[in-house]
Amino acid sequence: MRWFLLCIIFFFHLNKYSQNIGGIENFILASQQDQEILIQEYFKPLFSSLQTSMSEGWVKTAKPHKKLGFDFTFIMSGINIPVYDRQFNTQVFNNITSTSTESPTIFGSNSNESYLIEFYPPDSDYSMSTSFDVPNGHEDLLTNKRLLLPNFQFSIGVPFKSELILRYMPETTHKGASFRSMGVGLKHSLSQYFKPAKVTPINVSILANSSKMESVYNFGVNSQIVGENQSINLAVVNSSVGLVASADLKLLTVYASIMQVISKSSLNVTGSYELSYETSSAEIGEVSFIVEDPVSIVSNLNYQKKNIGLAFNFAFYNLFVDYSFQNYNSINIGLSLGLR
């Protein structure tokens, strides 16, 4: 158990001192259409991995706690980031020319390329243009191609052979972006309604849960664009419902689940930004203006998750490992302390 606690301490130590992401505020220089494309493409694997982690690790058995039985659980999810989501095709833009056909996402590699921005403002006969360096990817955030995300959970047995689950992810930091989440779940035994199930180690339950994550990235003094209160704010609401089945033996539990997951996210780029451009008009020359809260994006994610795992049962603690099958596959390991 000592090695497990050391891993937790080391994880939070690394997050505390990670460096910021540079240059992503320049996305605001693009036309309105391309702003959203840039942000969605660059951050897509981060958003998807965060949404995936919110539905992971909720159960390690279908058998609910006895009334007032409880446990405290630490879960570490390793979310796989597919190779195809570590870069994106630059042909998707409307008014951006790139020196390369591909650009890194946040989990991609470094880049020496640049973007040339040129677009026509509404009701004008001249174009505005500027350029900036393509922001680097940060594959150093990954461990063996996976993003590691923690969660803490408390479960307690309640009447009607049910179990209440409360979840909390303490504030952690990746490259200057802070994340925190909380959630609640309910597991209810279906096996109690079938007589044969009462004399076998097989248990089946229904599980429903919902959680919310909030993330803030402040550009601060590192911003390459003059302005005030510049930040990216992300909020994700994730809900899932499905069935869990397990074979609960004395020292070993084998479990599996199938869940339908629905997730909604909103992203807002807030603050003021002073944007400067060269124009194609010799009379006008260079122009500058300030924009406020320039980007607001809402997106939905709906998918089915399948999960299979093993739990090793000891007197007052439990070790478990499982694997989830979805677009961003996940390995989850956990440690529980408590009384069943």
C-alpha atoms as a PDB file:
ATOM      1  CA  MET A   1       0.000   0.000   0.000  1.00  0.00           C
ATOM      2  CA  ARG A   2       2.948   2.315   0.661  1.00  0.00           C
ATOM      3  CA  TRP A   3       3.951   2.439  -3.023  1.00  0.00           C
ATOM      4  CA  PHE A   4       0.389   3.426  -3.942  1.00  0.00           C
ATOM      5  CA  LEU A   5       0.396   6.419  -1.586  1.00  0.00           C
ATOM      6  CA  LEU A   6       3.805   7.493  -2.891  1.00  0.00           C
ATOM      7  CA  CYS A   7       2.401   7.496  -6.448  1.00  0.00           C
ATOM      8  CA  ILE A   8      -0.436   9.790  -5.342  1.00  0.00           C
ATOM      9  CA  ILE A   9       1.971  12.246  -3.679  1.00  0.00           C
ATOM     10  CA  PHE A  10       4.293  12.235  -6.701  1.00  0.00           C
ATOM     11  CA  PHE A  11       1.363  12.833  -9.076  1.00  0.00           C
ATOM     12  CA  PHE A  12       0.168  15.943  -7.248  1.00  0.00           C
ATOM     13  CA  HIS A  13       3.729  17.209  -6.859  1.00  0.00           C
ATOM     14  CA  LEU A  14       4.244  17.100 -10.631  1.00  0.00           C
ATOM     15  CA  ASN A  15       0.942  18.862 -11.324  1.00  0.00           C
ATOM     16  CA  LYS A  16       1.721  21.640  -8.876  1.00  0.00           C
ATOM     17  CA  TYR A  17       4.881  22.686 -10.704  1.00  0.00           C
ATOM     18  CA  SER A  18       3.930  22.083 -14.354  1.00  0.00           C
ATOM     19  CA  GLN A  19       4.522  24.969 -16.743  1.00  0.00           C
ATOM     20  CA  ASN A  20       1.914  26.881 -18.697  1.00  0.00           C
ATOM     21  CA  ILE A  21       0.850  26.323 -22.286  1.00  0.00           C
ATOM     22  CA  GLY A  22       2.182  29.108 -24.491  1.00  0.00           C
ATOM     23  CA  GLY A  23       0.566  30.890 -27.425  1.00  0.00           C
ATOM     24  CA  ILE A  24      -2.977  29.494 -27.454  1.00  0.00           C
ATOM     25  CA  GLU A  25      -4.429  32.974 -26.786  1.00  0.00           C
ATOM     26  CA  ASN A  26      -3.377  33.829 -30.361  1.00  0.00           C
ATOM     27  CA  PHE A  27      -6.302  31.705 -31.565  1.00  0.00           C
ATOM     28  CA  ILE A  28      -8.430  34.809 -30.904  1.00  0.00           C
ATOM     29  CA  LEU A  29      -6.671  36.520 -33.838  1.00  0.00           C
ATOM     30  CA  ALA A  30      -8.427  34.207 -36.300  1.00  0.00           C
ATOM     31  CA  SER A  31     -11.808  34.958 -37.855  1.00  0.00           C
ATOM     32  CA  GLN A  32     -14.809  34.010 -35.729  1.00  0.00           C
ATOM     33  CA  GLN A  33     -15.353  30.779 -37.651  1.00  0.00           C
ATOM     34  CA  ASP A  34     -11.735  29.727 -37.340  1.00  0.00           C
ATOM     35  CA  GLN A  35     -11.480  30.636 -33.651  1.00  0.00           C
ATOM     36  CA  GLU A  36     -13.904  27.861 -32.780  1.00  0.00           C
ATOM     37  CA  ILE A  37     -12.229  25.381 -35.134  1.00  0.00           C
ATOM     38  CA  LEU A  38      -8.768  26.096 -33.679  1.00  0.00           C
ATOM     39  CA  ILE A  39      -9.928  25.735 -30.083  1.00  0.00           C
ATOM     40  CA  GLN A  40     -11.978  22.606 -30.746  1.00  0.00           C
ATOM     41  CA  GLU A  41      -9.226  20.883 -32.740  1.00  0.00           C
ATOM     42  CA  TYR A  42      -6.375  21.796 -30.375  1.00  0.00           C
ATOM     43  CA  PHE A  43      -8.199  20.893 -27.160  1.00  0.00           C
ATOM     44  CA  LYS A  44     -10.381  18.042 -28.463  1.00  0.00           C
ATOM     45  CA  PRO A  45      -8.351  15.173 -26.908  1.00  0.00           C
ATOM     46  CA  LEU A  46      -8.202  16.951 -23.550  1.00  0.00           C
ATOM     47  CA  PHE A  47     -11.969  17.540 -23.505  1.00  0.00           C
ATOM     48  CA  SER A  48     -12.654  13.938 -24.561  1.00  0.00           C
ATOM     49  CA  SER A  49     -10.297  12.459 -21.960  1.00  0.00           C
ATOM     50  CA  LEU A  50     -11.796  14.582 -19.174  1.00  0.00           C
ATOM     51  CA  GLN A  51     -15.310  13.551 -20.181  1.00  0.00           C
ATOM     52  CA  THR A  52     -14.233   9.899 -20.312  1.00  0.00           C
ATOM     53  CA  SER A  53     -12.639  10.006 -16.851  1.00  0.00           C
ATOM     54  CA  MET A  54     -15.873  11.291 -15.311  1.00  0.00           C
ATOM     55  CA  SER A  55     -17.652   8.013 -16.073  1.00  0.00           C
ATOM     56  CA  GLU A  56     -14.808   5.755 -14.884  1.00  0.00           C
ATOM     57  CA  GLY A  57     -14.280   3.886 -11.609  1.00  0.00           C
ATOM     58  CA  TRP A  58     -17.772   4.229 -10.117  1.00  0.00           C
ATOM     59  CA  VAL A  59     -18.065   0.576  -9.085  1.00  0.00           C
ATOM     60  CA  LYS A  60     -15.912  -2.466  -8.377  1.00  0.00           C
ATOM     61  CA  THR A  61     -18.803  -4.847  -7.649  1.00  0.00           C
ATOM     62  CA  ALA A  62     -22.529  -5.047  -8.336  1.00  0.00           C
ATOM     63  CA  LYS A  63     -23.161  -5.969  -4.696  1.00  0.00           C
ATOM     64  CA  PRO A  64     -24.183  -2.926  -2.637  1.00  0.00           C
ATOM     65  CA  HIS A  65     -22.804  -2.290   0.831  1.00  0.00           C
ATOM     66  CA  LYS A  66     -24.849  -3.529   3.740  1.00  0.00           C
ATOM     67  CA  LYS A  67     -26.792  -0.756   5.458  1.00  0.00           C
ATOM     68  CA  LEU A  68     -24.225   1.761   6.819  1.00  0.00           C
ATOM     69  CA  GLY A  69     -21.334  -0.233   5.394  1.00  0.00           C
ATOM     70  CA  PHE A  70     -18.906   2.152   3.717  1.00  0.00           C
ATOM     71  CA  ASP A  71     -15.596   2.651   1.950  1.00  0.00           C
ATOM     72  CA  PHE A  72     -13.239   5.424   0.899  1.00  0.00           C
ATOM     73  CA  THR A  73     -11.762   4.855  -2.549  1.00  0.00           C
ATOM     74  CA  PHE A  74      -8.930   6.401  -4.527  1.00  0.00           C
ATOM     75  CA  ILE A  75      -9.085   5.827  -8.307  1.00  0.00           C
ATOM     76  CA  MET A  76      -6.470   6.619 -10.926  1.00  0.00           C
ATOM     77  CA  SER A  77      -7.691   6.507 -14.527  1.00  0.00           C
ATOM     78  CA  GLY A  78      -5.236   6.212 -17.397  1.00  0.00           C
ATOM     79  CA  ILE A  79      -7.073   7.531 -20.468  1.00  0.00           C
ATOM     80  CA  ASN A  80      -5.591   6.432 -23.779  1.00  0.00           C
ATOM     81  CA  ILE A  81      -5.017   9.281 -26.252  1.00  0.00           C
ATOM     82  CA  PRO A  82      -5.223   7.823 -29.788  1.00  0.00           C
ATOM     83  CA  VAL A  83      -2.411   8.710 -32.180  1.00  0.00           C
ATOM     84  CA  TYR A  84      -4.902  10.214 -34.655  1.00  0.00           C
ATOM     85  CA  ASP A  85      -5.979  12.752 -32.017  1.00  0.00           C
ATOM     86  CA  ARG A  86      -2.474  14.086 -31.390  1.00  0.00           C
ATOM     87  CA  GLN A  87      -2.562  16.138 -34.574  1.00  0.00           C
ATOM     88  CA  PHE A  88      -5.220  17.602 -36.861  1.00  0.00           C
ATOM     89  CA  ASN A  89      -5.527  18.527 -40.530  1.00  0.00           C
ATOM     90  CA  THR A  90      -5.062  22.238 -41.250  1.00  0.00           C
ATOM     91  CA  GLN A  91      -7.279  22.030 -44.357  1.00  0.00           C
ATOM     92  CA  VAL A  92     -10.329  22.503 -42.112  1.00  0.00           C
ATOM     93  CA  PHE A  93      -9.804  26.266 -41.807  1.00  0.00           C
ATOM     94  CA  ASN A  94     -11.682  28.963 -43.700  1.00  0.00           C
ATOM     95  CA  ASN A  95      -9.221  31.868 -43.549  1.00  0.00           C
ATOM     96  CA  ILE A  96      -5.982  30.373 -42.241  1.00  0.00           C
ATOM     97  CA  THR A  97      -2.999  29.229 -44.271  1.00  0.00           C
ATOM     98  CA  SER A  98      -0.515  26.979 -42.529  1.00  0.00           C
ATOM     99  CA  THR A  99       3.074  26.159 -43.428  1.00  0.00           C
ATOM    100  CA  SER A 100       2.208  22.500 -42.719  1.00  0.00           C
ATOM    101  CA  THR A 101      -0.731  20.222 -43.551  1.00  0.00           C
ATOM    102  CA  GLU A 102      -0.933  19.100 -39.903  1.00  0.00           C
ATOM    103  CA  SER A 103      -0.750  20.847 -36.536  1.00  0.00           C
ATOM    104  CA  PRO A 104      -0.315  19.336 -33.069  1.00  0.00           C
ATOM    105  CA  THR A 105      -3.162  19.099 -30.601  1.00  0.00           C
ATOM    106  CA  ILE A 106      -2.468  19.700 -26.921  1.00  0.00           C
ATOM    107  CA  PHE A 107      -1.082  16.135 -26.668  1.00  0.00           C
ATOM    108  CA  GLY A 108       0.968  16.368 -29.862  1.00  0.00           C
ATOM    109  CA  SER A 109       4.642  17.107 -30.449  1.00  0.00           C
ATOM    110  CA  ASN A 110       6.477  20.416 -30.767  1.00  0.00           C
ATOM    111  CA  SER A 111       5.950  22.572 -33.857  1.00  0.00           C
ATOM    112  CA  ASN A 112       8.101  24.995 -35.826  1.00  0.00           C
ATOM    113  CA  GLU A 113       5.248  26.018 -38.115  1.00  0.00           C
ATOM    114  CA  SER A 114       3.152  29.192 -38.288  1.00  0.00           C
ATOM    115  CA  TYR A 115      -0.369  30.300 -39.192  1.00  0.00           C
ATOM    116  CA  LEU A 116      -1.119  33.158 -41.626  1.00  0.00           C
ATOM    117  CA  ILE A 117      -4.486  34.779 -40.896  1.00  0.00           C
ATOM    118  CA  GLU A 118      -6.276  36.757 -43.627  1.00  0.00           C
ATOM    119  CA  PHE A 119      -9.982  37.564 -43.757  1.00  0.00           C
ATOM    120  CA  TYR A 120     -12.398  40.310 -44.776  1.00  0.00           C
ATOM    121  CA  PRO A 121     -14.307  42.085 -41.987  1.00  0.00           C
ATOM    122  CA  PRO A 122     -18.086  42.371 -42.541  1.00  0.00           C
ATOM    123  CA  ASP A 123     -19.127  45.102 -44.983  1.00  0.00           C
ATOM    124  CA  SER A 124     -15.558  46.023 -45.958  1.00  0.00           C
ATOM    125  CA  ASP A 125     -13.552  45.978 -49.179  1.00  0.00           C
ATOM    126  CA  TYR A 126     -10.170  45.391 -47.539  1.00  0.00           C
ATOM    127  CA  SER A 127      -8.669  42.368 -45.808  1.00  0.00           C
ATOM    128  CA  MET A 128      -6.996  42.115 -42.403  1.00  0.00           C
ATOM    129  CA  SER A 129      -4.010  39.868 -41.849  1.00  0.00           C
ATOM    130  CA  THR A 130      -1.576  38.730 -39.184  1.00  0.00           C
ATOM    131  CA  SER A 131       0.425  35.644 -38.289  1.00  0.00           C
ATOM    132  CA  PHE A 132       1.548  33.683 -35.236  1.00  0.00           C
ATOM    133  CA  ASP A 133       3.497  30.560 -34.349  1.00  0.00           C
ATOM    134  CA  VAL A 134       1.584  27.295 -34.081  1.00  0.00           C
ATOM    135  CA  PRO A 135       1.356  26.404 -30.351  1.00  0.00           C
ATOM    136  CA  ASN A 136       3.375  23.352 -29.373  1.00  0.00           C
ATOM    137  CA  GLY A 137       1.796  20.115 -28.265  1.00  0.00           C
ATOM    138  CA  HIS A 138       2.586  18.827 -24.789  1.00  0.00           C
ATOM    139  CA  GLU A 139       2.991  15.078 -25.053  1.00  0.00           C
ATOM    140  CA  ASP A 140       4.955  15.247 -21.789  1.00  0.00           C
ATOM    141  CA  LEU A 141       1.548  15.426 -20.078  1.00  0.00           C
ATOM    142  CA  LEU A 142       1.071  11.760 -21.011  1.00  0.00           C
ATOM    143  CA  THR A 143       2.454   8.692 -19.277  1.00  0.00           C
ATOM    144  CA  ASN A 144       2.840   5.755 -21.665  1.00  0.00           C
ATOM    145  CA  LYS A 145       0.451   7.532 -24.073  1.00  0.00           C
ATOM    146  CA  ARG A 146      -2.173   7.949 -21.355  1.00  0.00           C
ATOM    147  CA  LEU A 147      -3.444  10.947 -19.405  1.00  0.00           C
ATOM    148  CA  LEU A 148      -3.579  10.133 -15.680  1.00  0.00           C
ATOM    149  CA  LEU A 149      -6.543  11.601 -13.803  1.00  0.00           C
ATOM    150  CA  PRO A 150      -7.445  10.958 -10.129  1.00  0.00           C
ATOM    151  CA  ASN A 151     -10.756  10.720  -8.307  1.00  0.00           C
ATOM    152  CA  PHE A 152     -11.730  10.226  -4.664  1.00  0.00           C
ATOM    153  CA  GLN A 153     -14.961   8.463  -3.757  1.00  0.00           C
ATOM    154  CA  PHE A 154     -17.043   7.669  -0.679  1.00  0.00           C
ATOM    155  CA  SER A 155     -19.703   4.942  -0.744  1.00  0.00           C
ATOM    156  CA  ILE A 156     -22.246   4.040   1.945  1.00  0.00           C
ATOM    157  CA  GLY A 157     -24.989   1.442   2.155  1.00  0.00           C
ATOM    158  CA  VAL A 158     -28.522   2.845   2.373  1.00  0.00           C
ATOM    159  CA  PRO A 159     -31.958   1.159   2.736  1.00  0.00           C
ATOM    160  CA  PHE A 160     -33.541  -1.031   0.039  1.00  0.00           C
ATOM    161  CA  LYS A 161     -30.212  -2.749  -0.763  1.00  0.00           C
ATOM    162  CA  SER A 162     -28.843   0.381  -2.368  1.00  0.00           C
ATOM    163  CA  GLU A 163     -25.588   2.278  -2.181  1.00  0.00           C
ATOM    164  CA  LEU A 164     -24.976   6.007  -2.314  1.00  0.00           C
ATOM    165  CA  ILE A 165     -21.731   7.089  -3.991  1.00  0.00           C
ATOM    166  CA  LEU A 166     -20.170  10.528  -3.603  1.00  0.00           C
ATOM    167  CA  ARG A 167     -17.210  11.533  -5.763  1.00  0.00           C
ATOM    168  CA  TYR A 168     -14.675  14.324  -5.541  1.00  0.00           C
ATOM    169  CA  MET A 169     -11.583  15.167  -7.587  1.00  0.00           C
ATOM    170  CA  PRO A 170      -9.438  17.696  -5.729  1.00  0.00           C
ATOM    171  CA  GLU A 171      -8.119  20.645  -7.685  1.00  0.00           C
ATOM    172  CA  THR A 172      -5.177  19.553  -9.814  1.00  0.00           C
ATOM    173  CA  THR A 173      -3.087  21.484 -12.322  1.00  0.00           C
ATOM    174  CA  HIS A 174      -1.873  20.566 -15.806  1.00  0.00           C
ATOM    175  CA  LYS A 175       0.299  23.173 -17.521  1.00  0.00           C
ATOM    176  CA  GLY A 176      -1.345  26.018 -15.615  1.00  0.00           C
ATOM    177  CA  ALA A 177      -4.929  24.771 -16.114  1.00  0.00           C
ATOM    178  CA  SER A 178      -6.777  23.808 -12.926  1.00  0.00           C
ATOM    179  CA  PHE A 179      -9.422  21.069 -12.775  1.00  0.00           C
ATOM    180  CA  ARG A 180     -11.864  19.946 -10.114  1.00  0.00           C
ATOM    181  CA  SER A 181     -14.993  17.809 -10.131  1.00  0.00           C
ATOM    182  CA  MET A 182     -17.671  16.276  -7.940  1.00  0.00           C
ATOM    183  CA  GLY A 183     -20.481  13.831  -8.494  1.00  0.00           C
ATOM    184  CA  VAL A 184     -23.112  11.554  -7.015  1.00  0.00           C
ATOM    185  CA  GLY A 185     -24.256   8.050  -7.910  1.00  0.00           C
ATOM    186  CA  LEU A 186     -26.773   5.427  -6.782  1.00  0.00           C
ATOM    187  CA  LYS A 187     -26.452   1.660  -7.120  1.00  0.00           C
ATOM    188  CA  HIS A 188     -29.535  -0.497  -6.520  1.00  0.00           C
ATOM    189  CA  SER A 189     -29.577  -4.294  -6.358  1.00  0.00           C
ATOM    190  CA  LEU A 190     -31.770  -6.064  -8.919  1.00  0.00           C
ATOM    191  CA  SER A 191     -30.702  -9.510  -7.697  1.00  0.00           C
ATOM    192  CA  GLN A 192     -32.850  -9.135  -4.550  1.00  0.00           C
ATOM    193  CA  TYR A 193     -35.959  -9.560  -6.684  1.00  0.00           C
ATOM    194  CA  PHE A 194     -34.932 -13.021  -7.972  1.00  0.00           C
ATOM    195  CA  LYS A 195     -34.873 -15.988  -5.590  1.00  0.00           C
ATOM    196  CA  PRO A 196     -32.155 -18.039  -7.388  1.00  0.00           C
ATOM    197  CA  ALA A 197     -29.790 -15.073  -7.106  1.00  0.00           C
ATOM    198  CA  LYS A 198     -29.963 -15.168  -3.306  1.00  0.00           C
ATOM    199  CA  VAL A 199     -28.044 -18.480  -3.122  1.00  0.00           C
ATOM    200  CA  THR A 200     -25.350 -17.722  -5.727  1.00  0.00           C
ATOM    201  CA  PRO A 201     -22.400 -15.332  -5.732  1.00  0.00           C
ATOM    202  CA  ILE A 202     -23.826 -13.568  -8.794  1.00  0.00           C
ATOM    203  CA  ASN A 203     -25.115 -10.031  -8.286  1.00  0.00           C
ATOM    204  CA  VAL A 204     -26.759  -7.619 -10.733  1.00  0.00           C
ATOM    205  CA  SER A 205     -27.467  -3.949 -10.040  1.00  0.00           C
ATOM    206  CA  ILE A 206     -28.550  -0.829 -11.841  1.00  0.00           C
ATOM    207  CA  LEU A 207     -26.222   2.145 -11.565  1.00  0.00           C
ATOM    208  CA  ALA A 208     -26.944   5.805 -12.277  1.00  0.00           C
ATOM    209  CA  ASN A 209     -24.519   8.658 -11.708  1.00  0.00           C
ATOM    210  CA  SER A 210     -23.955  12.287 -12.565  1.00  0.00           C
ATOM    211  CA  SER A 211     -20.917  14.510 -12.123  1.00  0.00           C
ATOM    212  CA  LYS A 212     -19.688  17.974 -12.978  1.00  0.00           C
ATOM    213  CA  MET A 213     -16.197  19.184 -13.786  1.00  0.00           C
ATOM    214  CA  GLU A 214     -14.966  22.770 -13.909  1.00  0.00           C
ATOM    215  CA  SER A 215     -11.668  23.890 -15.384  1.00  0.00           C
ATOM    216  CA  VAL A 216     -10.001  27.295 -15.623  1.00  0.00           C
ATOM    217  CA  TYR A 217      -6.875  28.302 -17.517  1.00  0.00           C
ATOM    218  CA  ASN A 218      -5.691  31.861 -16.850  1.00  0.00           C
ATOM    219  CA  PHE A 219      -3.386  33.367 -19.467  1.00  0.00           C
ATOM    220  CA  GLY A 220      -2.084  35.899 -16.947  1.00  0.00           C
ATOM    221  CA  VAL A 221       1.277  37.600 -17.559  1.00  0.00           C
ATOM    222  CA  ASN A 222       2.191  34.924 -20.109  1.00  0.00           C
ATOM    223  CA  SER A 223      -0.398  36.160 -22.609  1.00  0.00           C
ATOM    224  CA  GLN A 224       1.007  37.363 -25.934  1.00  0.00           C
ATOM    225  CA  ILE A 225      -2.061  39.602 -26.443  1.00  0.00           C
ATOM    226  CA  VAL A 226      -2.629  42.732 -24.371  1.00  0.00           C
ATOM    227  CA  GLY A 227      -5.802  42.589 -22.298  1.00  0.00           C
ATOM    228  CA  GLU A 228      -7.374  41.912 -18.918  1.00  0.00           C
ATOM    229  CA  ASN A 229      -8.879  38.919 -17.083  1.00  0.00           C
ATOM    230  CA  GLN A 230      -8.028  36.544 -19.920  1.00  0.00           C
ATOM    231  CA  SER A 231      -8.996  32.918 -19.325  1.00  0.00           C
ATOM    232  CA  ILE A 232     -10.536  29.770 -20.769  1.00  0.00           C
ATOM    233  CA  ASN A 233     -13.386  28.329 -18.694  1.00  0.00           C
ATOM    234  CA  LEU A 234     -14.650  24.797 -19.246  1.00  0.00           C
ATOM    235  CA  ALA A 235     -17.672  23.156 -17.593  1.00  0.00           C
ATOM    236  CA  VAL A 236     -18.651  19.533 -18.249  1.00  0.00           C
ATOM    237  CA  VAL A 237     -21.760  17.733 -16.995  1.00  0.00           C
ATOM    238  CA  ASN A 238     -21.608  13.956 -17.389  1.00  0.00           C
ATOM    239  CA  SER A 239     -24.418  11.455 -16.668  1.00  0.00           C
ATOM    240  CA  SER A 240     -24.616   7.706 -17.198  1.00  0.00           C
ATOM    241  CA  VAL A 241     -26.965   4.819 -16.462  1.00  0.00           C
ATOM    242  CA  GLY A 242     -26.601   1.089 -16.983  1.00  0.00           C
ATOM    243  CA  LEU A 243     -26.189  -2.397 -15.545  1.00  0.00           C
ATOM    244  CA  VAL A 244     -23.407  -3.874 -13.414  1.00  0.00           C
ATOM    245  CA  ALA A 245     -22.912  -7.613 -12.859  1.00  0.00           C
ATOM    246  CA  SER A 246     -20.387  -9.365 -10.620  1.00  0.00           C
ATOM    247  CA  ALA A 247     -19.372 -12.740  -9.239  1.00  0.00           C
ATOM    248  CA  ASP A 248     -18.491 -11.993  -5.622  1.00  0.00           C
ATOM    249  CA  LEU A 249     -16.253 -14.635  -4.074  1.00  0.00           C
ATOM    250  CA  LYS A 250     -14.508 -14.358  -0.729  1.00  0.00           C
ATOM    251  CA  LEU A 251     -11.122 -13.137  -1.970  1.00  0.00           C
ATOM    252  CA  LEU A 252     -11.904 -12.214  -5.560  1.00  0.00           C
ATOM    253  CA  THR A 253     -14.626 -10.320  -7.422  1.00  0.00           C
ATOM    254  CA  VAL A 254     -15.047 -10.395 -11.188  1.00  0.00           C
ATOM    255  CA  TYR A 255     -17.269  -7.612 -12.499  1.00  0.00           C
ATOM    256  CA  ALA A 256     -18.516  -6.088 -15.737  1.00  0.00           C
ATOM    257  CA  SER A 257     -20.790  -3.237 -16.729  1.00  0.00           C
ATOM    258  CA  ILE A 258     -22.432  -1.626 -19.718  1.00  0.00           C
ATOM    259  CA  MET A 259     -23.385   2.041 -19.483  1.00  0.00           C
ATOM    260  CA  GLN A 260     -24.910   4.708 -21.671  1.00  0.00           C
ATOM    261  CA  VAL A 261     -23.041   7.974 -21.174  1.00  0.00           C
ATOM    262  CA  ILE A 262     -24.343  11.457 -22.021  1.00  0.00           C
ATOM    263  CA  SER A 263     -22.055  14.448 -21.623  1.00  0.00           C
ATOM    264  CA  LYS A 264     -22.482  18.159 -22.286  1.00  0.00           C
ATOM    265  CA  SER A 265     -19.622  20.643 -22.244  1.00  0.00           C
ATOM    266  CA  SER A 266     -19.424  24.414 -22.527  1.00  0.00           C
ATOM    267  CA  LEU A 267     -16.254  26.368 -23.203  1.00  0.00           C
ATOM    268  CA  ASN A 268     -15.899  30.124 -22.891  1.00  0.00           C
ATOM    269  CA  VAL A 269     -12.906  32.319 -23.646  1.00  0.00           C
ATOM    270  CA  THR A 270     -13.379  35.339 -21.407  1.00  0.00           C
ATOM    271  CA  GLY A 271     -11.684  38.663 -20.813  1.00  0.00           C
ATOM    272  CA  SER A 272     -10.587  41.516 -23.076  1.00  0.00           C
ATOM    273  CA  TYR A 273      -8.148  41.148 -25.976  1.00  0.00           C
ATOM    274  CA  GLU A 274      -6.524  43.929 -27.983  1.00  0.00           C
ATOM    275  CA  LEU A 275      -6.140  42.573 -31.516  1.00  0.00           C
ATOM    276  CA  SER A 276      -3.834  44.139 -34.119  1.00  0.00           C
ATOM    277  CA  TYR A 277      -3.822  43.523 -37.887  1.00  0.00           C
ATOM    278  CA  GLU A 278      -2.252  44.785 -41.081  1.00  0.00           C
ATOM    279  CA  THR A 279      -4.838  45.743 -43.714  1.00  0.00           C
ATOM    280  CA  SER A 280      -4.723  45.555 -47.490  1.00  0.00           C
ATOM    281  CA  SER A 281      -5.681  49.262 -47.609  1.00  0.00           C
ATOM    282  CA  ALA A 282      -2.741  51.664 -47.883  1.00  0.00           C
ATOM    283  CA  GLU A 283      -4.917  54.431 -46.439  1.00  0.00           C
ATOM    284  CA  ILE A 284      -5.934  52.485 -43.330  1.00  0.00           C
ATOM    285  CA  GLY A 285      -2.677  50.637 -42.664  1.00  0.00           C
ATOM    286  CA  GLU A 286      -2.597  48.888 -39.283  1.00  0.00           C
ATOM    287  CA  VAL A 287      -5.768  48.571 -37.172  1.00  0.00           C
ATOM    288  CA  SER A 288      -6.311  47.623 -33.531  1.00  0.00           C
ATOM    289  CA  PHE A 289      -9.479  46.984 -31.569  1.00  0.00           C
ATOM    290  CA  ILE A 290     -10.581  45.299 -28.353  1.00  0.00           C
ATOM    291  CA  VAL A 291     -12.897  42.286 -28.161  1.00  0.00           C
ATOM    292  CA  GLU A 292     -14.640  41.037 -25.003  1.00  0.00           C
ATOM    293  CA  ASP A 293     -15.437  37.379 -24.187  1.00  0.00           C
ATOM    294  CA  PRO A 294     -14.828  36.349 -27.808  1.00  0.00           C
ATOM    295  CA  VAL A 295     -15.636  32.600 -27.829  1.00  0.00           C
ATOM    296  CA  SER A 296     -18.487  30.461 -26.499  1.00  0.00           C
ATOM    297  CA  ILE A 297     -18.824  26.810 -27.580  1.00  0.00           C
ATOM    298  CA  VAL A 298     -21.302  24.113 -26.491  1.00  0.00           C
ATOM    299  CA  SER A 299     -20.916  20.462 -27.495  1.00  0.00           C
ATOM    300  CA  ASN A 300     -22.532  17.117 -26.633  1.00  0.00           C
ATOM    301  CA  LEU A 301     -21.096  13.625 -26.366  1.00  0.00           C
ATOM    302  CA  ASN A 302     -23.196  10.438 -26.321  1.00  0.00           C
ATOM    303  CA  TYR A 303     -21.586   7.002 -26.231  1.00  0.00           C
ATOM    304  CA  GLN A 304     -21.803   3.483 -24.828  1.00  0.00           C
ATOM    305  CA  LYS A 305     -19.148   2.224 -22.426  1.00  0.00           C
ATOM    306  CA  LYS A 306     -18.289  -1.416 -21.664  1.00  0.00           C
ATOM    307  CA  ASN A 307     -16.135  -2.304 -18.670  1.00  0.00           C
ATOM    308  CA  ILE A 308     -14.607  -5.456 -17.159  1.00  0.00           C
ATOM    309  CA  GLY A 309     -12.493  -5.785 -14.033  1.00  0.00           C
ATOM    310  CA  LEU A 310     -11.070  -7.706 -11.072  1.00  0.00           C
ATOM    311  CA  ALA A 311     -11.144  -6.789  -7.377  1.00  0.00           C
ATOM    312  CA  PHE A 312      -8.994  -8.435  -4.700  1.00  0.00           C
ATOM    313  CA  ASN A 313     -10.765  -8.484  -1.340  1.00  0.00           C
ATOM    314  CA  PHE A 314      -8.980  -8.308   2.005  1.00  0.00           C
ATOM    315  CA  ALA A 315     -10.203  -7.697   5.556  1.00  0.00           C
ATOM    316  CA  PHE A 316     -10.415  -3.896   5.540  1.00  0.00           C
ATOM    317  CA  TYR A 317      -9.277  -2.951   2.090  1.00  0.00           C
ATOM    318  CA  ASN A 318      -9.791  -3.799  -1.545  1.00  0.00           C
ATOM    319  CA  LEU A 319      -7.565  -3.471  -4.618  1.00  0.00           C
ATOM    320  CA  PHE A 320      -9.121  -3.371  -8.071  1.00  0.00           C
ATOM    321  CA  VAL A 321      -8.200  -2.916 -11.710  1.00  0.00           C
ATOM    322  CA  ASP A 322     -10.484  -2.668 -14.717  1.00  0.00           C
ATOM    323  CA  TYR A 323     -10.541  -1.734 -18.378  1.00  0.00           C
ATOM    324  CA  SER A 324     -13.159   0.285 -20.264  1.00  0.00           C
ATOM    325  CA  PHE A 325     -13.857  -0.065 -23.971  1.00  0.00           C
ATOM    326  CA  GLN A 326     -14.845   3.150 -25.760  1.00  0.00           C
ATOM    327  CA  ASN A 327     -13.295   5.662 -28.164  1.00  0.00           C
ATOM    328  CA  TYR A 328     -10.769   6.692 -25.492  1.00  0.00           C
ATOM    329  CA  ASN A 329     -10.079   3.351 -23.760  1.00  0.00           C
ATOM    330  CA  SER A 330      -9.228   3.567 -20.080  1.00  0.00           C
ATOM    331  CA  ILE A 331      -7.302   1.529 -17.517  1.00  0.00           C
ATOM    332  CA  ASN A 332      -8.438   2.186 -13.947  1.00  0.00           C
ATOM    333  CA  ILE A 333      -6.731   1.114 -10.738  1.00  0.00           C
ATOM    334  CA  GLY A 334      -8.018   1.779  -7.250  1.00  0.00           C
ATOM    335  CA  LEU A 335      -7.672   1.216  -3.538  1.00  0.00           C
ATOM    336  CA  SER A 336     -10.634   1.084  -1.136  1.00  0.00           C
ATOM    337  CA  LEU A 337     -10.598   1.222   2.670  1.00  0.00           C
ATOM    338  CA  GLY A 338     -13.736   0.460   4.664  1.00  0.00           C
ATOM    339  CA  LEU A 339     -16.274  -2.027   5.976  1.00  0.00           C
ATOM    340  CA  ARG A 340     -18.768  -3.924   3.841  1.00  0.00           C
END
